[in-house]
Amino acid sequence: GNELKELLFKAYLTDGEDVNNKETLTKLGIQIGLDAKAVAE
């Protein structure tokens, strides 16, 4: 949770990414080590 929270804050406030976008959320979830299928579900 802490790892994803950090990436979400950075995505919105620093990198200008859409944190409501499924592709963005999938990328961030996989980046911290979540299973892609679990994220998609």
Full PDB file with SEQRES, HELIX, SHEET, SSBOND, CRYST1, ORIGX, SCALE, CONECT and MASTER records, all heavy atoms in Angstrom:
SEQRES   1 A   41  GLY ASN GLU LEU LYS GLU LEU LEU PHE LYS ALA TYR LEU          
SEQRES   2 A   41  THR ASP GLY GLU ASP VAL ASN ASN LYS GLU THR LEU THR          
SEQRES   3 A   41  LYS LEU GLY ILE GLN ILE GLY LEU ASP ALA LYS ALA VAL          
SEQRES   4 A   41  ALA GLU                                                      
HELIX    1 AA1 ASN A    2  LEU A   13  1                                  12    
HELIX    2 AA2 LYS A   22  GLN A   31  1                                  10    
HELIX    3 AA3 ALA A   36  ALA A   40  1                                   5    
CRYST1    1.000    1.000    1.000  90.00  90.00  90.00 P 1           1          
ORIGX1      1.000000  0.000000  0.000000        0.00000                         
ORIGX2      0.000000  1.000000  0.000000        0.00000                         
ORIGX3      0.000000  0.000000  1.000000        0.00000                         
SCALE1      1.000000  0.000000  0.000000        0.00000                         
SCALE2      0.000000  1.000000  0.000000        0.00000                         
SCALE3      0.000000  0.000000  1.000000        0.00000                         
ATOM      1  N   GLY A   1       0.796  -1.207   0.000  1.00  0.00           N  
ATOM      2  CA  GLY A   1       0.000   0.000   0.000  1.00  0.00           C  
ATOM      3  C   GLY A   1       0.835   1.267   0.000  1.00  0.00           C  
ATOM      4  O   GLY A   1       0.534   2.218  -0.728  1.00  0.00           O  
ATOM      5  N   ASN A   2       1.880   1.292   0.808  1.00  0.00           N  
ATOM      6  CA  ASN A   2       2.713   2.498   0.884  1.00  0.00           C  
ATOM      7  C   ASN A   2       3.429   2.762  -0.437  1.00  0.00           C  
ATOM      8  O   ASN A   2       3.573   3.903  -0.875  1.00  0.00           O  
ATOM      9  CB  ASN A   2       3.731   2.361   2.014  1.00  0.00           C  
ATOM     10  CG  ASN A   2       4.236   3.704   2.494  1.00  0.00           C  
ATOM     11  OD1 ASN A   2       3.461   4.590   2.833  1.00  0.00           O  
ATOM     12  ND2 ASN A   2       5.550   3.867   2.522  1.00  0.00           N  
ATOM     13  N   GLU A   3       3.867   1.690  -1.086  1.00  0.00           N  
ATOM     14  CA  GLU A   3       4.563   1.827  -2.365  1.00  0.00           C  
ATOM     15  C   GLU A   3       3.624   2.383  -3.444  1.00  0.00           C  
ATOM     16  O   GLU A   3       4.006   3.272  -4.220  1.00  0.00           O  
ATOM     17  CB  GLU A   3       5.122   0.477  -2.819  1.00  0.00           C  
ATOM     18  CG  GLU A   3       6.318  -0.012  -2.009  1.00  0.00           C  
ATOM     19  CD  GLU A   3       5.939  -0.640  -0.675  1.00  0.00           C  
ATOM     20  OE1 GLU A   3       4.717  -0.675  -0.351  1.00  0.00           O  
ATOM     21  OE2 GLU A   3       6.838  -1.089   0.062  1.00  0.00           O  
ATOM     22  N   LEU A   4       2.390   1.868  -3.486  1.00  0.00           N  
ATOM     23  CA  LEU A   4       1.455   2.355  -4.500  1.00  0.00           C  
ATOM     24  C   LEU A   4       1.022   3.786  -4.200  1.00  0.00           C  
ATOM     25  O   LEU A   4       0.885   4.606  -5.112  1.00  0.00           O  
ATOM     26  CB  LEU A   4       0.228   1.447  -4.584  1.00  0.00           C  
ATOM     27  CG  LEU A   4      -0.793   1.834  -5.665  1.00  0.00           C  
ATOM     28  CD1 LEU A   4      -0.145   1.860  -7.047  1.00  0.00           C  
ATOM     29  CD2 LEU A   4      -1.986   0.882  -5.651  1.00  0.00           C  
ATOM     30  N   LYS A   5       0.829   4.098  -2.927  1.00  0.00           N  
ATOM     31  CA  LYS A   5       0.428   5.457  -2.566  1.00  0.00           C  
ATOM     32  C   LYS A   5       1.461   6.468  -3.046  1.00  0.00           C  
ATOM     33  O   LYS A   5       1.126   7.518  -3.586  1.00  0.00           O  
ATOM     34  CB  LYS A   5       0.263   5.562  -1.055  1.00  0.00           C  
ATOM     35  CG  LYS A   5      -0.455   6.824  -0.606  1.00  0.00           C  
ATOM     36  CD  LYS A   5      -1.937   6.759  -0.906  1.00  0.00           C  
ATOM     37  CE  LYS A   5      -2.686   7.926  -0.311  1.00  0.00           C  
ATOM     38  NZ  LYS A   5      -4.138   7.808  -0.475  1.00  0.00           N  
ATOM     39  N   GLU A   6       2.734   6.154  -2.866  1.00  0.00           N  
ATOM     40  CA  GLU A   6       3.805   7.038  -3.309  1.00  0.00           C  
ATOM     41  C   GLU A   6       3.736   7.261  -4.820  1.00  0.00           C  
ATOM     42  O   GLU A   6       3.835   8.398  -5.306  1.00  0.00           O  
ATOM     43  CB  GLU A   6       5.161   6.454  -2.929  1.00  0.00           C  
ATOM     44  CG  GLU A   6       6.364   7.236  -3.417  1.00  0.00           C  
ATOM     45  CD  GLU A   6       6.550   8.572  -2.712  1.00  0.00           C  
ATOM     46  OE1 GLU A   6       6.054   8.726  -1.583  1.00  0.00           O  
ATOM     47  OE2 GLU A   6       7.198   9.467  -3.291  1.00  0.00           O  
ATOM     48  N   LEU A   7       3.556   6.180  -5.575  1.00  0.00           N  
ATOM     49  CA  LEU A   7       3.517   6.304  -7.033  1.00  0.00           C  
ATOM     50  C   LEU A   7       2.283   7.070  -7.507  1.00  0.00           C  
ATOM     51  O   LEU A   7       2.350   7.813  -8.489  1.00  0.00           O  
ATOM     52  CB  LEU A   7       3.545   4.918  -7.681  1.00  0.00           C  
ATOM     53  CG  LEU A   7       4.847   4.126  -7.558  1.00  0.00           C  
ATOM     54  CD1 LEU A   7       4.780   2.868  -8.422  1.00  0.00           C  
ATOM     55  CD2 LEU A   7       6.048   4.966  -7.963  1.00  0.00           C  
ATOM     56  N   LEU A   8       1.175   6.904  -6.813  1.00  0.00           N  
ATOM     57  CA  LEU A   8      -0.038   7.622  -7.188  1.00  0.00           C  
ATOM     58  C   LEU A   8       0.108   9.125  -6.953  1.00  0.00           C  
ATOM     59  O   LEU A   8      -0.272   9.939  -7.800  1.00  0.00           O  
ATOM     60  CB  LEU A   8      -1.241   7.079  -6.408  1.00  0.00           C  
ATOM     61  CG  LEU A   8      -1.760   5.712  -6.857  1.00  0.00           C  
ATOM     62  CD1 LEU A   8      -2.724   5.143  -5.826  1.00  0.00           C  
ATOM     63  CD2 LEU A   8      -2.444   5.812  -8.220  1.00  0.00           C  
ATOM     64  N   PHE A   9       0.655   9.489  -5.802  1.00  0.00           N  
ATOM     65  CA  PHE A   9       0.910  10.904  -5.534  1.00  0.00           C  
ATOM     66  C   PHE A   9       1.834  11.496  -6.604  1.00  0.00           C  
ATOM     67  O   PHE A   9       1.578  12.575  -7.136  1.00  0.00           O  
ATOM     68  CB  PHE A   9       1.566  11.075  -4.167  1.00  0.00           C  
ATOM     69  CG  PHE A   9       0.607  11.087  -3.010  1.00  0.00           C  
ATOM     70  CD1 PHE A   9       0.912  10.404  -1.841  1.00  0.00           C  
ATOM     71  CD2 PHE A   9      -0.580  11.804  -3.062  1.00  0.00           C  
ATOM     72  CE1 PHE A   9       0.053  10.427  -0.751  1.00  0.00           C  
ATOM     73  CE2 PHE A   9      -1.450  11.827  -1.979  1.00  0.00           C  
ATOM     74  CZ  PHE A   9      -1.127  11.133  -0.817  1.00  0.00           C  
ATOM     75  N   LYS A  10       2.891  10.783  -6.882  1.00  0.00           N  
ATOM     76  CA  LYS A  10       3.870  11.266  -7.856  1.00  0.00           C  
ATOM     77  C   LYS A  10       3.242  11.372  -9.249  1.00  0.00           C  
ATOM     78  O   LYS A  10       3.486  12.342  -9.987  1.00  0.00           O  
ATOM     79  CB  LYS A  10       5.089  10.349  -7.898  1.00  0.00           C  
ATOM     80  CG  LYS A  10       6.220  10.826  -8.806  1.00  0.00           C  
ATOM     81  CD  LYS A  10       7.431   9.905  -8.683  1.00  0.00           C  
ATOM     82  CE  LYS A  10       8.584  10.422  -9.547  1.00  0.00           C  
ATOM     83  NZ  LYS A  10       8.286  10.353 -10.979  1.00  0.00           N  
ATOM     84  N   ALA A  11       2.429  10.382  -9.591  1.00  0.00           N  
ATOM     85  CA  ALA A  11       1.785  10.391 -10.906  1.00  0.00           C  
ATOM     86  C   ALA A  11       0.922  11.630 -11.084  1.00  0.00           C  
ATOM     87  O   ALA A  11       0.958  12.286 -12.134  1.00  0.00           O  
ATOM     88  CB  ALA A  11       0.952   9.127 -11.084  1.00  0.00           C  
ATOM     89  N   TYR A  12       0.149  11.969 -10.063  1.00  0.00           N  
ATOM     90  CA  TYR A  12      -0.760  13.106 -10.182  1.00  0.00           C  
ATOM     91  C   TYR A  12      -0.056  14.445 -10.002  1.00  0.00           C  
ATOM     92  O   TYR A  12      -0.212  15.359 -10.824  1.00  0.00           O  
ATOM     93  CB  TYR A  12      -1.886  12.977  -9.147  1.00  0.00           C  
ATOM     94  CG  TYR A  12      -2.748  14.207  -9.037  1.00  0.00           C  
ATOM     95  CD1 TYR A  12      -3.418  14.723 -10.150  1.00  0.00           C  
ATOM     96  CD2 TYR A  12      -2.891  14.871  -7.822  1.00  0.00           C  
ATOM     97  CE1 TYR A  12      -4.199  15.861 -10.057  1.00  0.00           C  
ATOM     98  CE2 TYR A  12      -3.671  16.015  -7.725  1.00  0.00           C  
ATOM     99  CZ  TYR A  12      -4.325  16.507  -8.829  1.00  0.00           C  
ATOM    100  OH  TYR A  12      -5.092  17.647  -8.744  1.00  0.00           O  
ATOM    101  N   LEU A  13       0.728  14.577  -8.945  1.00  0.00           N  
ATOM    102  CA  LEU A  13       1.261  15.881  -8.558  1.00  0.00           C  
ATOM    103  C   LEU A  13       2.586  16.235  -9.227  1.00  0.00           C  
ATOM    104  O   LEU A  13       2.940  17.412  -9.316  1.00  0.00           O  
ATOM    105  CB  LEU A  13       1.433  15.936  -7.038  1.00  0.00           C  
ATOM    106  CG  LEU A  13       0.109  15.966  -6.259  1.00  0.00           C  
ATOM    107  CD1 LEU A  13       0.339  15.606  -4.798  1.00  0.00           C  
ATOM    108  CD2 LEU A  13      -0.555  17.321  -6.386  1.00  0.00           C  
ATOM    109  N   THR A  14       3.301  15.232  -9.711  1.00  0.00           N  
ATOM    110  CA  THR A  14       4.610  15.496 -10.319  1.00  0.00           C  
ATOM    111  C   THR A  14       4.617  15.214 -11.816  1.00  0.00           C  
ATOM    112  O   THR A  14       5.089  16.032 -12.610  1.00  0.00           O  
ATOM    113  CB  THR A  14       5.705  14.654  -9.634  1.00  0.00           C  
ATOM    114  OG1 THR A  14       5.717  14.945  -8.230  1.00  0.00           O  
ATOM    115  CG2 THR A  14       7.081  14.961 -10.223  1.00  0.00           C  
ATOM    116  N   ASP A  15       4.079  14.061 -12.201  1.00  0.00           N  
ATOM    117  CA  ASP A  15       4.241  13.601 -13.581  1.00  0.00           C  
ATOM    118  C   ASP A  15       3.078  13.956 -14.503  1.00  0.00           C  
ATOM    119  O   ASP A  15       3.170  13.726 -15.720  1.00  0.00           O  
ATOM    120  CB  ASP A  15       4.455  12.086 -13.598  1.00  0.00           C  
ATOM    121  CG  ASP A  15       5.717  11.674 -12.857  1.00  0.00           C  
ATOM    122  OD1 ASP A  15       6.636  12.506 -12.767  1.00  0.00           O  
ATOM    123  OD2 ASP A  15       5.777  10.529 -12.355  1.00  0.00           O  
ATOM    124  N   GLY A  16       1.993  14.465 -13.957  1.00  0.00           N  
ATOM    125  CA  GLY A  16       0.866  14.857 -14.803  1.00  0.00           C  
ATOM    126  C   GLY A  16       0.148  13.688 -15.442  1.00  0.00           C  
ATOM    127  O   GLY A  16      -0.326  13.787 -16.582  1.00  0.00           O  
ATOM    128  N   GLU A  17       0.018  12.574 -14.725  1.00  0.00           N  
ATOM    129  CA  GLU A  17      -0.686  11.405 -15.257  1.00  0.00           C  
ATOM    130  C   GLU A  17      -2.115  11.360 -14.728  1.00  0.00           C  
ATOM    131  O   GLU A  17      -2.420  11.876 -13.654  1.00  0.00           O  
ATOM    132  CB  GLU A  17       0.061  10.128 -14.886  1.00  0.00           C  
ATOM    133  CG  GLU A  17       1.459  10.034 -15.490  1.00  0.00           C  
ATOM    134  CD  GLU A  17       2.077   8.666 -15.274  1.00  0.00           C  
ATOM    135  OE1 GLU A  17       1.645   7.709 -15.951  1.00  0.00           O  
ATOM    136  OE2 GLU A  17       2.978   8.557 -14.425  1.00  0.00           O  
ATOM    137  N   ASP A  18      -2.974  10.697 -15.482  1.00  0.00           N  
ATOM    138  CA  ASP A  18      -4.387  10.565 -15.122  1.00  0.00           C  
ATOM    139  C   ASP A  18      -4.556   9.355 -14.209  1.00  0.00           C  
ATOM    140  O   ASP A  18      -4.497   8.209 -14.673  1.00  0.00           O  
ATOM    141  CB  ASP A  18      -5.231  10.408 -16.394  1.00  0.00           C  
ATOM    142  CG  ASP A  18      -6.719  10.334 -16.094  1.00  0.00           C  
ATOM    143  OD1 ASP A  18      -7.103  10.320 -14.918  1.00  0.00           O  
ATOM    144  OD2 ASP A  18      -7.506  10.273 -17.069  1.00  0.00           O  
ATOM    145  N   VAL A  19      -4.790   9.595 -12.919  1.00  0.00           N  
ATOM    146  CA  VAL A  19      -4.885   8.486 -11.961  1.00  0.00           C  
ATOM    147  C   VAL A  19      -6.272   7.852 -11.961  1.00  0.00           C  
ATOM    148  O   VAL A  19      -6.554   6.981 -11.131  1.00  0.00           O  
ATOM    149  CB  VAL A  19      -4.498   8.942 -10.538  1.00  0.00           C  
ATOM    150  CG1 VAL A  19      -3.033   9.357 -10.487  1.00  0.00           C  
ATOM    151  CG2 VAL A  19      -5.393  10.071 -10.061  1.00  0.00           C  
ATOM    152  N   ASN A  20      -7.128   8.268 -12.889  1.00  0.00           N  
ATOM    153  CA  ASN A  20      -8.407   7.591 -13.093  1.00  0.00           C  
ATOM    154  C   ASN A  20      -8.366   6.698 -14.331  1.00  0.00           C  
ATOM    155  O   ASN A  20      -9.322   5.997 -14.632  1.00  0.00           O  
ATOM    156  CB  ASN A  20      -9.535   8.620 -13.227  1.00  0.00           C  
ATOM    157  CG  ASN A  20     -10.911   7.994 -13.249  1.00  0.00           C  
ATOM    158  OD1 ASN A  20     -11.209   7.109 -12.454  1.00  0.00           O  
ATOM    159  ND2 ASN A  20     -11.766   8.447 -14.153  1.00  0.00           N  
ATOM    160  N   ASN A  21      -7.243   6.725 -15.027  1.00  0.00           N  
ATOM    161  CA  ASN A  21      -7.088   5.974 -16.265  1.00  0.00           C  
ATOM    162  C   ASN A  21      -6.640   4.537 -15.969  1.00  0.00           C  
ATOM    163  O   ASN A  21      -5.675   4.331 -15.221  1.00  0.00           O  
ATOM    164  CB  ASN A  21      -6.059   6.679 -17.151  1.00  0.00           C  
ATOM    165  CG  ASN A  21      -5.823   5.958 -18.457  1.00  0.00           C  
ATOM    166  OD1 ASN A  21      -4.985   5.072 -18.524  1.00  0.00           O  
ATOM    167  ND2 ASN A  21      -6.552   6.345 -19.494  1.00  0.00           N  
ATOM    168  N   LYS A  22      -7.316   3.558 -16.551  1.00  0.00           N  
ATOM    169  CA  LYS A  22      -7.006   2.157 -16.256  1.00  0.00           C  
ATOM    170  C   LYS A  22      -5.591   1.784 -16.679  1.00  0.00           C  
ATOM    171  O   LYS A  22      -4.903   1.015 -15.992  1.00  0.00           O  
ATOM    172  CB  LYS A  22      -8.024   1.232 -16.931  1.00  0.00           C  
ATOM    173  CG  LYS A  22      -9.403   1.270 -16.303  1.00  0.00           C  
ATOM    174  CD  LYS A  22     -10.339   0.278 -16.970  1.00  0.00           C  
ATOM    175  CE  LYS A  22     -11.715   0.310 -16.319  1.00  0.00           C  
ATOM    176  NZ  LYS A  22     -12.657  -0.658 -16.965  1.00  0.00           N  
ATOM    177  N   GLU A  23      -5.142   2.303 -17.809  1.00  0.00           N  
ATOM    178  CA  GLU A  23      -3.785   1.985 -18.268  1.00  0.00           C  
ATOM    179  C   GLU A  23      -2.745   2.534 -17.296  1.00  0.00           C  
ATOM    180  O   GLU A  23      -1.747   1.863 -16.988  1.00  0.00           O  
ATOM    181  CB  GLU A  23      -3.562   2.551 -19.668  1.00  0.00           C  
ATOM    182  CG  GLU A  23      -4.363   1.855 -20.752  1.00  0.00           C  
ATOM    183  CD  GLU A  23      -4.053   2.395 -22.135  1.00  0.00           C  
ATOM    184  OE1 GLU A  23      -3.163   3.270 -22.248  1.00  0.00           O  
ATOM    185  OE2 GLU A  23      -4.694   1.940 -23.104  1.00  0.00           O  
ATOM    186  N   THR A  24      -2.967   3.744 -16.813  1.00  0.00           N  
ATOM    187  CA  THR A  24      -2.045   4.330 -15.839  1.00  0.00           C  
ATOM    188  C   THR A  24      -2.035   3.521 -14.557  1.00  0.00           C  
ATOM    189  O   THR A  24      -0.959   3.192 -14.021  1.00  0.00           O  
ATOM    190  CB  THR A  24      -2.460   5.784 -15.522  1.00  0.00           C  
ATOM    191  OG1 THR A  24      -2.397   6.565 -16.705  1.00  0.00           O  
ATOM    192  CG2 THR A  24      -1.541   6.385 -14.464  1.00  0.00           C  
ATOM    193  N   LEU A  25      -3.207   3.171 -14.055  1.00  0.00           N  
ATOM    194  CA  LEU A  25      -3.291   2.403 -12.816  1.00  0.00           C  
ATOM    195  C   LEU A  25      -2.687   1.012 -12.981  1.00  0.00           C  
ATOM    196  O   LEU A  25      -2.017   0.507 -12.070  1.00  0.00           O  
ATOM    197  CB  LEU A  25      -4.747   2.301 -12.364  1.00  0.00           C  
ATOM    198  CG  LEU A  25      -5.389   3.619 -11.917  1.00  0.00           C  
ATOM    199  CD1 LEU A  25      -6.878   3.419 -11.635  1.00  0.00           C  
ATOM    200  CD2 LEU A  25      -4.686   4.173 -10.685  1.00  0.00           C  
ATOM    201  N   THR A  26      -2.902   0.408 -14.126  1.00  0.00           N  
ATOM    202  CA  THR A  26      -2.309  -0.910 -14.385  1.00  0.00           C  
ATOM    203  C   THR A  26      -0.794  -0.819 -14.381  1.00  0.00           C  
ATOM    204  O   THR A  26      -0.107  -1.652 -13.763  1.00  0.00           O  
ATOM    205  CB  THR A  26      -2.790  -1.459 -15.739  1.00  0.00           C  
ATOM    206  OG1 THR A  26      -4.213  -1.609 -15.706  1.00  0.00           O  
ATOM    207  CG2 THR A  26      -2.140  -2.801 -16.038  1.00  0.00           C  
ATOM    208  N   LYS A  27      -0.264   0.190 -15.031  1.00  0.00           N  
ATOM    209  CA  LYS A  27       1.186   0.383 -15.073  1.00  0.00           C  
ATOM    210  C   LYS A  27       1.757   0.552 -13.677  1.00  0.00           C  
ATOM    211  O   LYS A  27       2.769  -0.086 -13.321  1.00  0.00           O  
ATOM    212  CB  LYS A  27       1.514   1.615 -15.911  1.00  0.00           C  
ATOM    213  CG  LYS A  27       3.013   1.945 -15.985  1.00  0.00           C  
ATOM    214  CD  LYS A  27       3.261   3.314 -16.592  1.00  0.00           C  
ATOM    215  CE  LYS A  27       2.823   4.418 -15.652  1.00  0.00           C  
ATOM    216  NZ  LYS A  27       3.179   5.770 -16.158  1.00  0.00           N  
ATOM    217  N   LEU A  28       1.117   1.366 -12.864  1.00  0.00           N  
ATOM    218  CA  LEU A  28       1.614   1.617 -11.508  1.00  0.00           C  
ATOM    219  C   LEU A  28       1.502   0.366 -10.636  1.00  0.00           C  
ATOM    220  O   LEU A  28       2.395   0.074  -9.837  1.00  0.00           O  
ATOM    221  CB  LEU A  28       0.848   2.779 -10.878  1.00  0.00           C  
ATOM    222  CG  LEU A  28       0.978   4.133 -11.573  1.00  0.00           C  
ATOM    223  CD1 LEU A  28       0.164   5.194 -10.835  1.00  0.00           C  
ATOM    224  CD2 LEU A  28       2.432   4.565 -11.673  1.00  0.00           C  
ATOM    225  N   GLY A  29       0.403  -0.366 -10.799  1.00  0.00           N  
ATOM    226  CA  GLY A  29       0.229  -1.591 -10.021  1.00  0.00           C  
ATOM    227  C   GLY A  29       1.293  -2.621 -10.336  1.00  0.00           C  
ATOM    228  O   GLY A  29       1.879  -3.232  -9.435  1.00  0.00           O  
ATOM    229  N   ILE A  30       1.557  -2.820 -11.624  1.00  0.00           N  
ATOM    230  CA  ILE A  30       2.589  -3.775 -12.035  1.00  0.00           C  
ATOM    231  C   ILE A  30       3.962  -3.297 -11.581  1.00  0.00           C  
ATOM    232  O   ILE A  30       4.814  -4.099 -11.191  1.00  0.00           O  
ATOM    233  CB  ILE A  30       2.546  -3.976 -13.559  1.00  0.00           C  
ATOM    234  CG1 ILE A  30       1.238  -4.674 -13.958  1.00  0.00           C  
ATOM    235  CG2 ILE A  30       3.748  -4.776 -14.046  1.00  0.00           C  
ATOM    236  CD1 ILE A  30       1.031  -4.760 -15.462  1.00  0.00           C  
ATOM    237  N   GLN A  31       4.167  -1.981 -11.603  1.00  0.00           N  
ATOM    238  CA  GLN A  31       5.475  -1.415 -11.217  1.00  0.00           C  
ATOM    239  C   GLN A  31       5.845  -1.753  -9.780  1.00  0.00           C  
ATOM    240  O   GLN A  31       7.023  -1.958  -9.465  1.00  0.00           O  
ATOM    241  CB  GLN A  31       5.456   0.107 -11.407  1.00  0.00           C  
ATOM    242  CG  GLN A  31       6.805   0.775 -11.213  1.00  0.00           C  
ATOM    243  CD  GLN A  31       6.780   2.254 -11.572  1.00  0.00           C  
ATOM    244  OE1 GLN A  31       5.954   2.690 -12.372  1.00  0.00           O  
ATOM    245  NE2 GLN A  31       7.667   3.020 -10.986  1.00  0.00           N  
ATOM    246  N   ILE A  32       4.852  -1.842  -8.891  1.00  0.00           N  
ATOM    247  CA  ILE A  32       5.168  -2.169  -7.493  1.00  0.00           C  
ATOM    248  C   ILE A  32       5.164  -3.668  -7.227  1.00  0.00           C  
ATOM    249  O   ILE A  32       5.453  -4.103  -6.113  1.00  0.00           O  
ATOM    250  CB  ILE A  32       4.197  -1.475  -6.522  1.00  0.00           C  
ATOM    251  CG1 ILE A  32       2.772  -1.983  -6.729  1.00  0.00           C  
ATOM    252  CG2 ILE A  32       4.291   0.032  -6.638  1.00  0.00           C  
ATOM    253  CD1 ILE A  32       1.823  -1.619  -5.609  1.00  0.00           C  
ATOM    254  N   GLY A  33       4.806  -4.459  -8.262  1.00  0.00           N  
ATOM    255  CA  GLY A  33       4.884  -5.905  -8.107  1.00  0.00           C  
ATOM    256  C   GLY A  33       3.557  -6.620  -8.022  1.00  0.00           C  
ATOM    257  O   GLY A  33       3.528  -7.828  -7.750  1.00  0.00           O  
ATOM    258  N   LEU A  34       2.453  -5.928  -8.266  1.00  0.00           N  
ATOM    259  CA  LEU A  34       1.162  -6.603  -8.271  1.00  0.00           C  
ATOM    260  C   LEU A  34       0.996  -7.429  -9.539  1.00  0.00           C  
ATOM    261  O   LEU A  34       1.527  -7.075 -10.596  1.00  0.00           O  
ATOM    262  CB  LEU A  34       0.025  -5.586  -8.178  1.00  0.00           C  
ATOM    263  CG  LEU A  34      -0.113  -4.814  -6.857  1.00  0.00           C  
ATOM    264  CD1 LEU A  34      -1.222  -3.781  -6.978  1.00  0.00           C  
ATOM    265  CD2 LEU A  34      -0.389  -5.759  -5.700  1.00  0.00           C  
ATOM    266  N   ASP A  35       0.249  -8.511  -9.430  1.00  0.00           N  
ATOM    267  CA  ASP A  35      -0.016  -9.366 -10.583  1.00  0.00           C  
ATOM    268  C   ASP A  35      -0.938  -8.659 -11.566  1.00  0.00           C  
ATOM    269  O   ASP A  35      -1.963  -8.076 -11.172  1.00  0.00           O  
ATOM    270  CB  ASP A  35      -0.665 -10.669 -10.103  1.00  0.00           C  
ATOM    271  CG  ASP A  35      -1.001 -11.589 -11.259  1.00  0.00           C  
ATOM    272  OD1 ASP A  35      -0.079 -12.181 -11.830  1.00  0.00           O  
ATOM    273  OD2 ASP A  35      -2.201 -11.685 -11.586  1.00  0.00           O  
ATOM    274  N   ALA A  36      -0.577  -8.687 -12.837  1.00  0.00           N  
ATOM    275  CA  ALA A  36      -1.333  -7.971 -13.861  1.00  0.00           C  
ATOM    276  C   ALA A  36      -2.782  -8.444 -13.925  1.00  0.00           C  
ATOM    277  O   ALA A  36      -3.707  -7.632 -14.108  1.00  0.00           O  
ATOM    278  CB  ALA A  36      -0.659  -8.131 -15.217  1.00  0.00           C  
ATOM    279  N   LYS A  37      -3.007  -9.746 -13.792  1.00  0.00           N  
ATOM    280  CA  LYS A  37      -4.368 -10.275 -13.848  1.00  0.00           C  
ATOM    281  C   LYS A  37      -5.187  -9.794 -12.657  1.00  0.00           C  
ATOM    282  O   LYS A  37      -6.377  -9.471 -12.788  1.00  0.00           O  
ATOM    283  CB  LYS A  37      -4.343 -11.800 -13.900  1.00  0.00           C  
ATOM    284  CG  LYS A  37      -3.812 -12.366 -15.205  1.00  0.00           C  
ATOM    285  CD  LYS A  37      -3.890 -13.883 -15.214  1.00  0.00           C  
ATOM    286  CE  LYS A  37      -3.389 -14.445 -16.544  1.00  0.00           C  
ATOM    287  NZ  LYS A  37      -3.442 -15.934 -16.558  1.00  0.00           N  
ATOM    288  N   ALA A  38      -4.558  -9.744 -11.489  1.00  0.00           N  
ATOM    289  CA  ALA A  38      -5.252  -9.275 -10.292  1.00  0.00           C  
ATOM    290  C   ALA A  38      -5.613  -7.800 -10.422  1.00  0.00           C  
ATOM    291  O   ALA A  38      -6.700  -7.374 -10.025  1.00  0.00           O  
ATOM    292  CB  ALA A  38      -4.386  -9.503  -9.062  1.00  0.00           C  
ATOM    293  N   VAL A  39      -4.710  -7.011 -10.990  1.00  0.00           N  
ATOM    294  CA  VAL A  39      -4.984  -5.593 -11.212  1.00  0.00           C  
ATOM    295  C   VAL A  39      -6.148  -5.418 -12.187  1.00  0.00           C  
ATOM    296  O   VAL A  39      -7.064  -4.622 -11.948  1.00  0.00           O  
ATOM    297  CB  VAL A  39      -3.723  -4.874 -11.753  1.00  0.00           C  
ATOM    298  CG1 VAL A  39      -4.070  -3.452 -12.194  1.00  0.00           C  
ATOM    299  CG2 VAL A  39      -2.623  -4.853 -10.697  1.00  0.00           C  
ATOM    300  N   ALA A  40      -6.123  -6.182 -13.272  1.00  0.00           N  
ATOM    301  CA  ALA A  40      -7.192  -6.096 -14.271  1.00  0.00           C  
ATOM    302  C   ALA A  40      -8.534  -6.486 -13.670  1.00  0.00           C  
ATOM    303  O   ALA A  40      -9.567  -5.858 -13.969  1.00  0.00           O  
ATOM    304  CB  ALA A  40      -6.857  -6.995 -15.462  1.00  0.00           C  
ATOM    305  N   GLU A  41      -8.538  -7.494 -12.833  1.00  0.00           N  
ATOM    306  CA  GLU A  41      -9.786  -7.935 -12.211  1.00  0.00           C  
ATOM    307  C   GLU A  41     -10.375  -6.824 -11.351  1.00  0.00           C  
ATOM    308  O   GLU A  41     -11.597  -6.618 -11.341  1.00  0.00           O  
ATOM    309  CB  GLU A  41      -9.541  -9.185 -11.369  1.00  0.00           C  
ATOM    310  CG  GLU A  41     -10.806  -9.739 -10.742  1.00  0.00           C  
ATOM    311  CD  GLU A  41     -10.566 -11.029  -9.974  1.00  0.00           C  
ATOM    312  OE1 GLU A  41      -9.450 -11.577 -10.061  1.00  0.00           O  
ATOM    313  OE2 GLU A  41     -11.498 -11.474  -9.293  1.00  0.00           O  
TER     314      GLU A  41                                                      
MASTER        0    0    0    3    0    0    0    6  313    1    0    4          
END                                                                             
